[in-house]
Amino acid sequence: MSEESNAAERRRWNDEYWASVWPKREQLTSAVTEILLSHADLTPGQNVFEIGSGGGTATMAAGRLLGPTGRVVAADISTPLVDFARRRAGEAGLHNISFVVADAQHDVIEGGPFDAVISQFGVMFFDEPEAAFANIRAQVSRGGRLAFACWQQVDRNPWFVGPALVGLVPPPPAPAPGKSVTGPFSFSDPQRVLTILGASGWKAVERAPYERTVNVDRAAIVDDGQLAFLGVSEESLPAARQAVDAHLARLRSGDGRIDAPLAFQIFTATA
C-alpha cells in the first residue's frame, strides 16, 4: 500500500477496537447484503473482487452464490478485520474466497481481471475517489459490473449519532491538498457519485435508493469504546452518553433496543 494513500483511514481501521466490535456493527450493515448482491447479478463461476470486506459477511454470501467454480478476492485496508474475516470463512468451510490487506485506491489485486466488483459500505473512504475507481475499473474485464452500497444523507439516517456529539469530539481535520473528505456519508450526494464514476471511466451508471428499518442493540450503533475512539474525553463521557441517549430516544423500541431507519443507495455501473 502507498504510504500516501488513505493514511488517516488506514490508521483508523487498523485499530484493534474495530475488529473487536465488528459483529455488533454488522447488525446495521448486513441488512443490505441481499439487496446489494441482487444488483450485482452474480452468476456461478464468476471471478469477483470485493472492496472493503470488513468482517466478510458479504464476501461469504457472494461465495455461496458463485459456487465451487467461482471465486471472491476480498480486500480491506484493516489487518485486524482481514484476520477476523479469514477466521470466519475458515470456520464456515468456504474455500472459494480469499482476503488480502490492500488499498483498492492504488493497489493491483492479484487474481484479476475480475468479472464483477462489489462493496458493502466500503467505497466512501477513498481520499482520491476518481483515482480509486479508475484503478478498480482497470482490473475489471470489459463489460464487467460494479455494484456498491453507500449511505444516503445523514439526516435520513437518524441512527447516526455524529450530530449529537458536536462540541464533544474534535472536528475532523481538513483534507490535504488534492485529497477528498472521507467518511460514512461522503458518498451521500448522488450527483457527486455519478460525477466520480463518470470521470473514472465507468458507463451505464444507475442508482437505486432504499429504506429499511432494522431492530438492533444499542451497542450496534455506539458504546463507550466508540465514544472514546471518536475523541470524547473521559471528562466529557457522561455528557456524551446523555447526548447520545437523547438523540436515540425516539428510536428506542419497547424492549430497549433501537429501531434504526436505514436510508442507503445502490450504485451500479459497467466497465
C-alpha atoms as a PDB file:
ATOM      1  CA  MET A   1       0.000   0.000   0.000  1.00  0.00           C
ATOM      2  CA  SER A   2       1.183   3.521  -0.741  1.00  0.00           C
ATOM      3  CA  GLU A   3       2.046   5.391   2.451  1.00  0.00           C
ATOM      4  CA  GLU A   4       0.276   8.427   0.975  1.00  0.00           C
ATOM      5  CA  SER A   5      -2.936   6.570   0.219  1.00  0.00           C
ATOM      6  CA  ASN A   6      -5.810   6.910   2.680  1.00  0.00           C
ATOM      7  CA  ALA A   7      -3.379   7.439   5.543  1.00  0.00           C
ATOM      8  CA  ALA A   8      -5.971   8.640   8.056  1.00  0.00           C
ATOM      9  CA  GLU A   9      -8.398   5.854   7.204  1.00  0.00           C
ATOM     10  CA  ARG A  10      -5.667   3.217   7.424  1.00  0.00           C
ATOM     11  CA  ARG A  11      -4.796   4.411  10.927  1.00  0.00           C
ATOM     12  CA  ARG A  12      -8.439   4.365  11.951  1.00  0.00           C
ATOM     13  CA  TRP A  13      -9.417   0.984  10.550  1.00  0.00           C
ATOM     14  CA  ASN A  14      -6.295  -0.748  11.812  1.00  0.00           C
ATOM     15  CA  ASP A  15      -7.207  -0.024  15.405  1.00  0.00           C
ATOM     16  CA  GLU A  16      -7.929  -3.333  17.169  1.00  0.00           C
ATOM     17  CA  TYR A  17     -11.095  -1.791  18.624  1.00  0.00           C
ATOM     18  CA  TRP A  18     -12.930  -2.001  15.298  1.00  0.00           C
ATOM     19  CA  ALA A  19     -12.319  -5.713  14.873  1.00  0.00           C
ATOM     20  CA  SER A  20     -13.362  -6.396  18.455  1.00  0.00           C
ATOM     21  CA  VAL A  21     -16.802  -4.809  17.997  1.00  0.00           C
ATOM     22  CA  TRP A  22     -17.381  -5.570  14.320  1.00  0.00           C
ATOM     23  CA  PRO A  23     -20.092  -8.241  14.817  1.00  0.00           C
ATOM     24  CA  LYS A  24     -22.180  -5.639  16.652  1.00  0.00           C
ATOM     25  CA  ARG A  25     -21.864  -3.146  13.785  1.00  0.00           C
ATOM     26  CA  GLU A  26     -22.926  -5.795  11.288  1.00  0.00           C
ATOM     27  CA  GLN A  27     -26.446  -5.643  12.681  1.00  0.00           C
ATOM     28  CA  LEU A  28     -26.689  -2.473  10.583  1.00  0.00           C
ATOM     29  CA  THR A  29     -24.522  -3.167   7.563  1.00  0.00           C
ATOM     30  CA  SER A  30     -25.555  -6.756   6.865  1.00  0.00           C
ATOM     31  CA  ALA A  31     -29.153  -5.618   6.473  1.00  0.00           C
ATOM     32  CA  VAL A  32     -28.306  -4.611   2.894  1.00  0.00           C
ATOM     33  CA  THR A  33     -26.334  -7.680   1.762  1.00  0.00           C
ATOM     34  CA  GLU A  34     -29.152  -9.451  -0.055  1.00  0.00           C
ATOM     35  CA  ILE A  35     -30.159  -6.258  -1.879  1.00  0.00           C
ATOM     36  CA  LEU A  36     -26.578  -5.462  -2.867  1.00  0.00           C
ATOM     37  CA  LEU A  37     -25.981  -8.931  -4.280  1.00  0.00           C
ATOM     38  CA  SER A  38     -29.236  -8.839  -6.214  1.00  0.00           C
ATOM     39  CA  HIS A  39     -27.961  -5.714  -8.007  1.00  0.00           C
ATOM     40  CA  ALA A  40     -24.541  -7.286  -8.573  1.00  0.00           C
ATOM     41  CA  ASP A  41     -26.264 -10.029 -10.601  1.00  0.00           C
ATOM     42  CA  LEU A  42     -23.552 -12.571  -9.804  1.00  0.00           C
ATOM     43  CA  THR A  43     -23.606 -15.948 -11.559  1.00  0.00           C
ATOM     44  CA  PRO A  44     -21.838 -19.223 -10.693  1.00  0.00           C
ATOM     45  CA  GLY A  45     -18.240 -19.426 -11.840  1.00  0.00           C
ATOM     46  CA  GLN A  46     -17.515 -15.681 -11.901  1.00  0.00           C
ATOM     47  CA  ASN A  47     -14.321 -14.102 -10.579  1.00  0.00           C
ATOM     48  CA  VAL A  48     -15.334 -11.301  -8.195  1.00  0.00           C
ATOM     49  CA  PHE A  49     -13.428  -8.551  -6.390  1.00  0.00           C
ATOM     50  CA  GLU A  50     -14.800  -7.062  -3.169  1.00  0.00           C
ATOM     51  CA  ILE A  51     -13.725  -3.674  -1.772  1.00  0.00           C
ATOM     52  CA  GLY A  52     -13.711  -3.015   1.972  1.00  0.00           C
ATOM     53  CA  SER A  53     -14.728  -6.509   3.014  1.00  0.00           C
ATOM     54  CA  GLY A  54     -14.810  -5.842   6.772  1.00  0.00           C
ATOM     55  CA  GLY A  55     -15.843  -8.957   8.642  1.00  0.00           C
ATOM     56  CA  GLY A  56     -16.592 -10.853   5.428  1.00  0.00           C
ATOM     57  CA  THR A  57     -20.365 -11.318   5.626  1.00  0.00           C
ATOM     58  CA  ALA A  58     -20.990 -10.071   2.083  1.00  0.00           C
ATOM     59  CA  THR A  59     -17.906 -11.977   0.902  1.00  0.00           C
ATOM     60  CA  MET A  60     -19.233 -15.253   2.228  1.00  0.00           C
ATOM     61  CA  ALA A  61     -22.710 -14.631   0.814  1.00  0.00           C
ATOM     62  CA  ALA A  62     -21.195 -13.889  -2.598  1.00  0.00           C
ATOM     63  CA  GLY A  63     -19.015 -17.004  -2.391  1.00  0.00           C
ATOM     64  CA  ARG A  64     -22.066 -19.158  -1.814  1.00  0.00           C
ATOM     65  CA  LEU A  65     -23.766 -17.646  -4.885  1.00  0.00           C
ATOM     66  CA  LEU A  66     -20.712 -18.224  -7.075  1.00  0.00           C
ATOM     67  CA  GLY A  67     -20.377 -21.886  -6.175  1.00  0.00           C
ATOM     68  CA  PRO A  68     -17.228 -24.018  -6.206  1.00  0.00           C
ATOM     69  CA  THR A  69     -16.131 -22.833  -9.656  1.00  0.00           C
ATOM     70  CA  GLY A  70     -16.384 -19.165  -8.726  1.00  0.00           C
ATOM     71  CA  ARG A  71     -14.087 -17.038  -6.612  1.00  0.00           C
ATOM     72  CA  VAL A  72     -14.147 -13.882  -4.484  1.00  0.00           C
ATOM     73  CA  VAL A  73     -10.982 -11.926  -3.718  1.00  0.00           C
ATOM     74  CA  ALA A  74     -11.801  -9.518  -0.894  1.00  0.00           C
ATOM     75  CA  ALA A  75      -9.586  -6.566   0.032  1.00  0.00           C
ATOM     76  CA  ASP A  76      -9.581  -4.355   3.106  1.00  0.00           C
ATOM     77  CA  ILE A  77      -7.073  -1.857   4.494  1.00  0.00           C
ATOM     78  CA  SER A  78      -7.588  -3.246   8.013  1.00  0.00           C
ATOM     79  CA  THR A  79      -5.283  -6.078   9.053  1.00  0.00           C
ATOM     80  CA  PRO A  80      -7.395  -6.904  12.157  1.00  0.00           C
ATOM     81  CA  LEU A  81     -10.577  -7.164  10.084  1.00  0.00           C
ATOM     82  CA  VAL A  82      -8.910  -9.267   7.393  1.00  0.00           C
ATOM     83  CA  ASP A  83      -7.655 -11.643  10.078  1.00  0.00           C
ATOM     84  CA  PHE A  84     -11.148 -11.809  11.575  1.00  0.00           C
ATOM     85  CA  ALA A  85     -12.788 -12.452   8.183  1.00  0.00           C
ATOM     86  CA  ARG A  86     -10.293 -15.205   7.370  1.00  0.00           C
ATOM     87  CA  ARG A  87     -11.108 -16.987  10.617  1.00  0.00           C
ATOM     88  CA  ARG A  88     -14.828 -16.709   9.897  1.00  0.00           C
ATOM     89  CA  ALA A  89     -14.510 -18.071   6.385  1.00  0.00           C
ATOM     90  CA  GLY A  90     -12.386 -20.951   7.613  1.00  0.00           C
ATOM     91  CA  GLU A  91     -14.928 -21.838  10.280  1.00  0.00           C
ATOM     92  CA  ALA A  92     -17.665 -21.713   7.619  1.00  0.00           C
ATOM     93  CA  GLY A  93     -15.722 -24.075   5.372  1.00  0.00           C
ATOM     94  CA  LEU A  94     -15.745 -21.685   2.413  1.00  0.00           C
ATOM     95  CA  HIS A  95     -12.746 -22.312   0.183  1.00  0.00           C
ATOM     96  CA  ASN A  96     -13.603 -20.161  -2.844  1.00  0.00           C
ATOM     97  CA  ILE A  97     -12.942 -16.827  -1.093  1.00  0.00           C
ATOM     98  CA  SER A  98      -9.707 -15.167  -0.044  1.00  0.00           C
ATOM     99  CA  PHE A  99      -8.887 -11.994   1.887  1.00  0.00           C
ATOM    100  CA  VAL A 100      -5.979  -9.614   1.346  1.00  0.00           C
ATOM    101  CA  VAL A 101      -4.779  -6.488   3.124  1.00  0.00           C
ATOM    102  CA  ALA A 102      -4.741  -3.964   0.297  1.00  0.00           C
ATOM    103  CA  ASP A 103      -5.873  -0.486  -0.694  1.00  0.00           C
ATOM    104  CA  ALA A 104      -8.111  -0.612  -3.747  1.00  0.00           C
ATOM    105  CA  GLN A 105      -7.345   3.055  -4.384  1.00  0.00           C
ATOM    106  CA  HIS A 106      -3.880   2.234  -5.746  1.00  0.00           C
ATOM    107  CA  ASP A 107      -3.077  -1.460  -5.404  1.00  0.00           C
ATOM    108  CA  VAL A 108      -3.330  -4.052  -8.164  1.00  0.00           C
ATOM    109  CA  ILE A 109      -5.153  -7.043  -6.707  1.00  0.00           C
ATOM    110  CA  GLU A 110      -3.843 -10.468  -7.600  1.00  0.00           C
ATOM    111  CA  GLY A 111      -6.364 -12.734  -9.310  1.00  0.00           C
ATOM    112  CA  GLY A 112      -7.733 -10.341 -11.921  1.00  0.00           C
ATOM    113  CA  PRO A 113      -9.117  -9.468 -14.298  1.00  0.00           C
ATOM    114  CA  PHE A 114     -12.436  -9.664 -12.490  1.00  0.00           C
ATOM    115  CA  ASP A 115     -15.920 -10.214 -13.859  1.00  0.00           C
ATOM    116  CA  ALA A 116     -17.559  -8.054 -11.191  1.00  0.00           C
ATOM    117  CA  VAL A 117     -16.784  -5.743  -8.270  1.00  0.00           C
ATOM    118  CA  ILE A 118     -18.907  -5.404  -5.142  1.00  0.00           C
ATOM    119  CA  SER A 119     -18.667  -3.296  -1.996  1.00  0.00           C
ATOM    120  CA  GLN A 120     -20.861  -3.046   1.089  1.00  0.00           C
ATOM    121  CA  PHE A 121     -20.187   0.398   2.587  1.00  0.00           C
ATOM    122  CA  GLY A 122     -16.508   0.227   1.683  1.00  0.00           C
ATOM    123  CA  VAL A 123     -16.030   2.862  -1.031  1.00  0.00           C
ATOM    124  CA  MET A 124     -16.743   6.030   0.970  1.00  0.00           C
ATOM    125  CA  PHE A 125     -13.268   6.068   2.497  1.00  0.00           C
ATOM    126  CA  PHE A 126     -11.182   6.800  -0.612  1.00  0.00           C
ATOM    127  CA  ASP A 127      -9.372  10.130  -0.285  1.00  0.00           C
ATOM    128  CA  GLU A 128      -8.799  10.141  -4.068  1.00  0.00           C
ATOM    129  CA  PRO A 129     -12.067   8.610  -5.306  1.00  0.00           C
ATOM    130  CA  GLU A 130     -11.604   9.242  -9.035  1.00  0.00           C
ATOM    131  CA  ALA A 131      -8.167   7.616  -8.973  1.00  0.00           C
ATOM    132  CA  ALA A 132      -9.594   4.753  -6.929  1.00  0.00           C
ATOM    133  CA  PHE A 133     -12.436   3.949  -9.298  1.00  0.00           C
ATOM    134  CA  ALA A 134     -10.140   4.268 -12.328  1.00  0.00           C
ATOM    135  CA  ASN A 135      -7.746   1.796 -10.696  1.00  0.00           C
ATOM    136  CA  ILE A 136     -10.615  -0.577  -9.949  1.00  0.00           C
ATOM    137  CA  ARG A 137     -12.007  -0.324 -13.494  1.00  0.00           C
ATOM    138  CA  ALA A 138      -8.598  -1.189 -14.941  1.00  0.00           C
ATOM    139  CA  GLN A 139      -8.789  -4.540 -13.141  1.00  0.00           C
ATOM    140  CA  VAL A 140     -12.238  -5.492 -14.464  1.00  0.00           C
ATOM    141  CA  SER A 141     -12.957  -7.291 -17.708  1.00  0.00           C
ATOM    142  CA  ARG A 142     -14.645  -5.265 -20.425  1.00  0.00           C
ATOM    143  CA  GLY A 143     -18.365  -5.239 -19.672  1.00  0.00           C
ATOM    144  CA  GLY A 144     -17.788  -6.234 -16.047  1.00  0.00           C
ATOM    145  CA  ARG A 145     -20.237  -4.992 -13.442  1.00  0.00           C
ATOM    146  CA  LEU A 146     -19.744  -2.733 -10.422  1.00  0.00           C
ATOM    147  CA  ALA A 147     -22.274  -2.691  -7.561  1.00  0.00           C
ATOM    148  CA  PHE A 148     -21.798  -0.942  -4.241  1.00  0.00           C
ATOM    149  CA  ALA A 149     -23.856   0.221  -1.274  1.00  0.00           C
ATOM    150  CA  CYS A 150     -23.388   3.588   0.416  1.00  0.00           C
ATOM    151  CA  TRP A 151     -25.477   5.707   2.759  1.00  0.00           C
ATOM    152  CA  GLN A 152     -27.905   8.416   1.746  1.00  0.00           C
ATOM    153  CA  GLN A 153     -27.829  11.789   3.526  1.00  0.00           C
ATOM    154  CA  VAL A 154     -27.102  11.830   7.255  1.00  0.00           C
ATOM    155  CA  ASP A 155     -30.448  13.462   8.092  1.00  0.00           C
ATOM    156  CA  ARG A 156     -32.170  10.412   6.590  1.00  0.00           C
ATOM    157  CA  ASN A 157     -30.191   8.123   8.888  1.00  0.00           C
ATOM    158  CA  PRO A 158     -31.205   9.253  12.381  1.00  0.00           C
ATOM    159  CA  TRP A 159     -29.432   6.277  13.987  1.00  0.00           C
ATOM    160  CA  PHE A 160     -26.111   8.036  13.293  1.00  0.00           C
ATOM    161  CA  VAL A 161     -25.031   9.817  16.482  1.00  0.00           C
ATOM    162  CA  GLY A 162     -22.464  12.170  14.959  1.00  0.00           C
ATOM    163  CA  PRO A 163     -24.724  15.259  15.100  1.00  0.00           C
ATOM    164  CA  ALA A 164     -25.347  14.654  18.817  1.00  0.00           C
ATOM    165  CA  LEU A 165     -21.624  14.768  19.561  1.00  0.00           C
ATOM    166  CA  VAL A 166     -20.843  18.148  18.020  1.00  0.00           C
ATOM    167  CA  GLY A 167     -18.775  20.053  20.550  1.00  0.00           C
ATOM    168  CA  LEU A 168     -17.854  16.875  22.405  1.00  0.00           C
ATOM    169  CA  VAL A 169     -15.444  15.460  19.829  1.00  0.00           C
ATOM    170  CA  PRO A 170     -12.713  17.267  17.906  1.00  0.00           C
ATOM    171  CA  PRO A 171     -13.752  18.425  14.423  1.00  0.00           C
ATOM    172  CA  PRO A 172     -12.283  16.353  11.593  1.00  0.00           C
ATOM    173  CA  PRO A 173      -9.158  17.829  10.031  1.00  0.00           C
ATOM    174  CA  ALA A 174      -9.441  19.416   6.619  1.00  0.00           C
ATOM    175  CA  PRO A 175      -8.270  17.124   3.822  1.00  0.00           C
ATOM    176  CA  ALA A 176      -4.768  17.699   2.487  1.00  0.00           C
ATOM    177  CA  PRO A 177      -4.398  19.423  -0.892  1.00  0.00           C
ATOM    178  CA  GLY A 178      -5.603  17.128  -3.651  1.00  0.00           C
ATOM    179  CA  LYS A 179      -7.439  14.854  -1.227  1.00  0.00           C
ATOM    180  CA  SER A 180     -11.197  14.454  -0.643  1.00  0.00           C
ATOM    181  CA  VAL A 181     -13.219  14.274   2.551  1.00  0.00           C
ATOM    182  CA  THR A 182     -13.785  10.674   3.637  1.00  0.00           C
ATOM    183  CA  GLY A 183     -16.325   9.134   5.974  1.00  0.00           C
ATOM    184  CA  PRO A 184     -19.570   7.167   6.032  1.00  0.00           C
ATOM    185  CA  PHE A 185     -21.615   9.926   4.358  1.00  0.00           C
ATOM    186  CA  SER A 186     -19.061  11.214   1.865  1.00  0.00           C
ATOM    187  CA  PHE A 187     -20.959   9.469  -0.959  1.00  0.00           C
ATOM    188  CA  SER A 188     -24.419  10.575   0.154  1.00  0.00           C
ATOM    189  CA  ASP A 189     -24.815  13.093  -2.693  1.00  0.00           C
ATOM    190  CA  PRO A 190     -25.903  11.068  -5.762  1.00  0.00           C
ATOM    191  CA  GLN A 191     -24.669  13.687  -8.207  1.00  0.00           C
ATOM    192  CA  ARG A 192     -21.188  13.604  -6.711  1.00  0.00           C
ATOM    193  CA  VAL A 193     -21.082   9.821  -7.057  1.00  0.00           C
ATOM    194  CA  LEU A 194     -22.294   9.973 -10.656  1.00  0.00           C
ATOM    195  CA  THR A 195     -19.603  12.542 -11.450  1.00  0.00           C
ATOM    196  CA  ILE A 196     -16.851  10.448  -9.852  1.00  0.00           C
ATOM    197  CA  LEU A 197     -17.866   7.263 -11.644  1.00  0.00           C
ATOM    198  CA  GLY A 198     -18.191   9.014 -14.982  1.00  0.00           C
ATOM    199  CA  ALA A 199     -14.819  10.742 -14.625  1.00  0.00           C
ATOM    200  CA  SER A 200     -13.144   7.426 -13.808  1.00  0.00           C
ATOM    201  CA  GLY A 201     -14.461   5.759 -16.951  1.00  0.00           C
ATOM    202  CA  TRP A 202     -17.473   3.758 -15.773  1.00  0.00           C
ATOM    203  CA  LYS A 203     -20.516   3.584 -18.026  1.00  0.00           C
ATOM    204  CA  ALA A 204     -24.252   2.949 -17.666  1.00  0.00           C
ATOM    205  CA  VAL A 205     -24.294   4.237 -14.075  1.00  0.00           C
ATOM    206  CA  GLU A 206     -27.568   3.718 -12.228  1.00  0.00           C
ATOM    207  CA  ARG A 207     -28.765   4.454  -8.693  1.00  0.00           C
ATOM    208  CA  ALA A 208     -31.418   2.660  -6.642  1.00  0.00           C
ATOM    209  CA  PRO A 209     -32.422   4.219  -3.276  1.00  0.00           C
ATOM    210  CA  TYR A 210     -33.705   2.075  -0.420  1.00  0.00           C
ATOM    211  CA  GLU A 211     -35.102   2.498   3.072  1.00  0.00           C
ATOM    212  CA  ARG A 212     -35.237  -0.253   5.691  1.00  0.00           C
ATOM    213  CA  THR A 213     -35.758  -0.295   9.453  1.00  0.00           C
ATOM    214  CA  VAL A 214     -33.778  -2.805  11.496  1.00  0.00           C
ATOM    215  CA  ASN A 215     -34.107  -3.612  15.190  1.00  0.00           C
ATOM    216  CA  VAL A 216     -30.627  -3.628  16.742  1.00  0.00           C
ATOM    217  CA  ASP A 217     -28.828  -3.496  20.066  1.00  0.00           C
ATOM    218  CA  ARG A 218     -27.796  -0.014  21.172  1.00  0.00           C
ATOM    219  CA  ALA A 219     -24.191  -1.240  21.049  1.00  0.00           C
ATOM    220  CA  ALA A 220     -24.586  -1.818  17.312  1.00  0.00           C
ATOM    221  CA  ILE A 221     -24.692   1.965  16.983  1.00  0.00           C
ATOM    222  CA  VAL A 222     -22.486   3.277  19.773  1.00  0.00           C
ATOM    223  CA  ASP A 223     -20.806   2.266  23.007  1.00  0.00           C
ATOM    224  CA  ASP A 224     -18.292   3.842  25.363  1.00  0.00           C
ATOM    225  CA  GLY A 225     -15.409   2.394  23.377  1.00  0.00           C
ATOM    226  CA  GLN A 226     -16.557   4.135  20.220  1.00  0.00           C
ATOM    227  CA  LEU A 227     -17.111   7.397  22.051  1.00  0.00           C
ATOM    228  CA  ALA A 228     -13.541   7.274  23.329  1.00  0.00           C
ATOM    229  CA  PHE A 229     -12.289   6.276  19.896  1.00  0.00           C
ATOM    230  CA  LEU A 230     -14.068   9.261  18.338  1.00  0.00           C
ATOM    231  CA  GLY A 231     -12.207  11.560  20.708  1.00  0.00           C
ATOM    232  CA  VAL A 232     -14.609  12.058  23.622  1.00  0.00           C
ATOM    233  CA  SER A 233     -12.506  12.802  26.678  1.00  0.00           C
ATOM    234  CA  GLU A 234     -13.042  10.961  29.941  1.00  0.00           C
ATOM    235  CA  GLU A 235     -14.379  14.172  31.463  1.00  0.00           C
ATOM    236  CA  SER A 236     -16.898  14.607  28.631  1.00  0.00           C
ATOM    237  CA  LEU A 237     -18.026  10.981  28.613  1.00  0.00           C
ATOM    238  CA  PRO A 238     -21.115  11.500  30.849  1.00  0.00           C
ATOM    239  CA  ALA A 239     -22.274  14.408  28.676  1.00  0.00           C
ATOM    240  CA  ALA A 240     -21.689  12.361  25.526  1.00  0.00           C
ATOM    241  CA  ARG A 241     -23.690   9.430  26.874  1.00  0.00           C
ATOM    242  CA  GLN A 242     -26.534  11.792  27.744  1.00  0.00           C
ATOM    243  CA  ALA A 243     -26.444  13.416  24.300  1.00  0.00           C
ATOM    244  CA  VAL A 244     -26.480  10.030  22.575  1.00  0.00           C
ATOM    245  CA  ASP A 245     -29.354   8.758  24.720  1.00  0.00           C
ATOM    246  CA  ALA A 246     -31.388  11.867  23.913  1.00  0.00           C
ATOM    247  CA  HIS A 247     -30.596  11.500  20.222  1.00  0.00           C
ATOM    248  CA  LEU A 248     -31.667   7.844  20.128  1.00  0.00           C
ATOM    249  CA  ALA A 249     -34.692   8.179  22.434  1.00  0.00           C
ATOM    250  CA  ARG A 250     -37.202   8.464  19.592  1.00  0.00           C
ATOM    251  CA  LEU A 251     -35.845   5.282  18.022  1.00  0.00           C
ATOM    252  CA  ARG A 252     -35.987   3.153  21.155  1.00  0.00           C
ATOM    253  CA  SER A 253     -38.328   0.171  20.926  1.00  0.00           C
ATOM    254  CA  GLY A 254     -40.310  -1.327  23.787  1.00  0.00           C
ATOM    255  CA  ASP A 255     -37.624  -3.899  24.587  1.00  0.00           C
ATOM    256  CA  GLY A 256     -34.918  -1.260  24.955  1.00  0.00           C
ATOM    257  CA  ARG A 257     -33.418  -1.959  21.535  1.00  0.00           C
ATOM    258  CA  ILE A 258     -33.223   0.543  18.689  1.00  0.00           C
ATOM    259  CA  ASP A 259     -35.449   0.638  15.599  1.00  0.00           C
ATOM    260  CA  ALA A 260     -32.884   2.100  13.224  1.00  0.00           C
ATOM    261  CA  PRO A 261     -34.178   3.541   9.930  1.00  0.00           C
ATOM    262  CA  LEU A 262     -31.543   2.922   7.265  1.00  0.00           C
ATOM    263  CA  ALA A 263     -31.521   5.046   4.124  1.00  0.00           C
ATOM    264  CA  PHE A 264     -28.961   3.704   1.673  1.00  0.00           C
ATOM    265  CA  GLN A 265     -28.416   3.525  -2.062  1.00  0.00           C
ATOM    266  CA  ILE A 266     -27.007   1.010  -4.504  1.00  0.00           C
ATOM    267  CA  PHE A 267     -24.961   2.255  -7.457  1.00  0.00           C
ATOM    268  CA  THR A 268     -24.260   0.011 -10.418  1.00  0.00           C
ATOM    269  CA  ALA A 269     -22.065   0.618 -13.451  1.00  0.00           C
ATOM    270  CA  THR A 270     -20.321  -1.185 -16.293  1.00  0.00           C
ATOM    271  CA  ALA A 271     -16.604  -1.223 -17.161  1.00  0.00           C
END
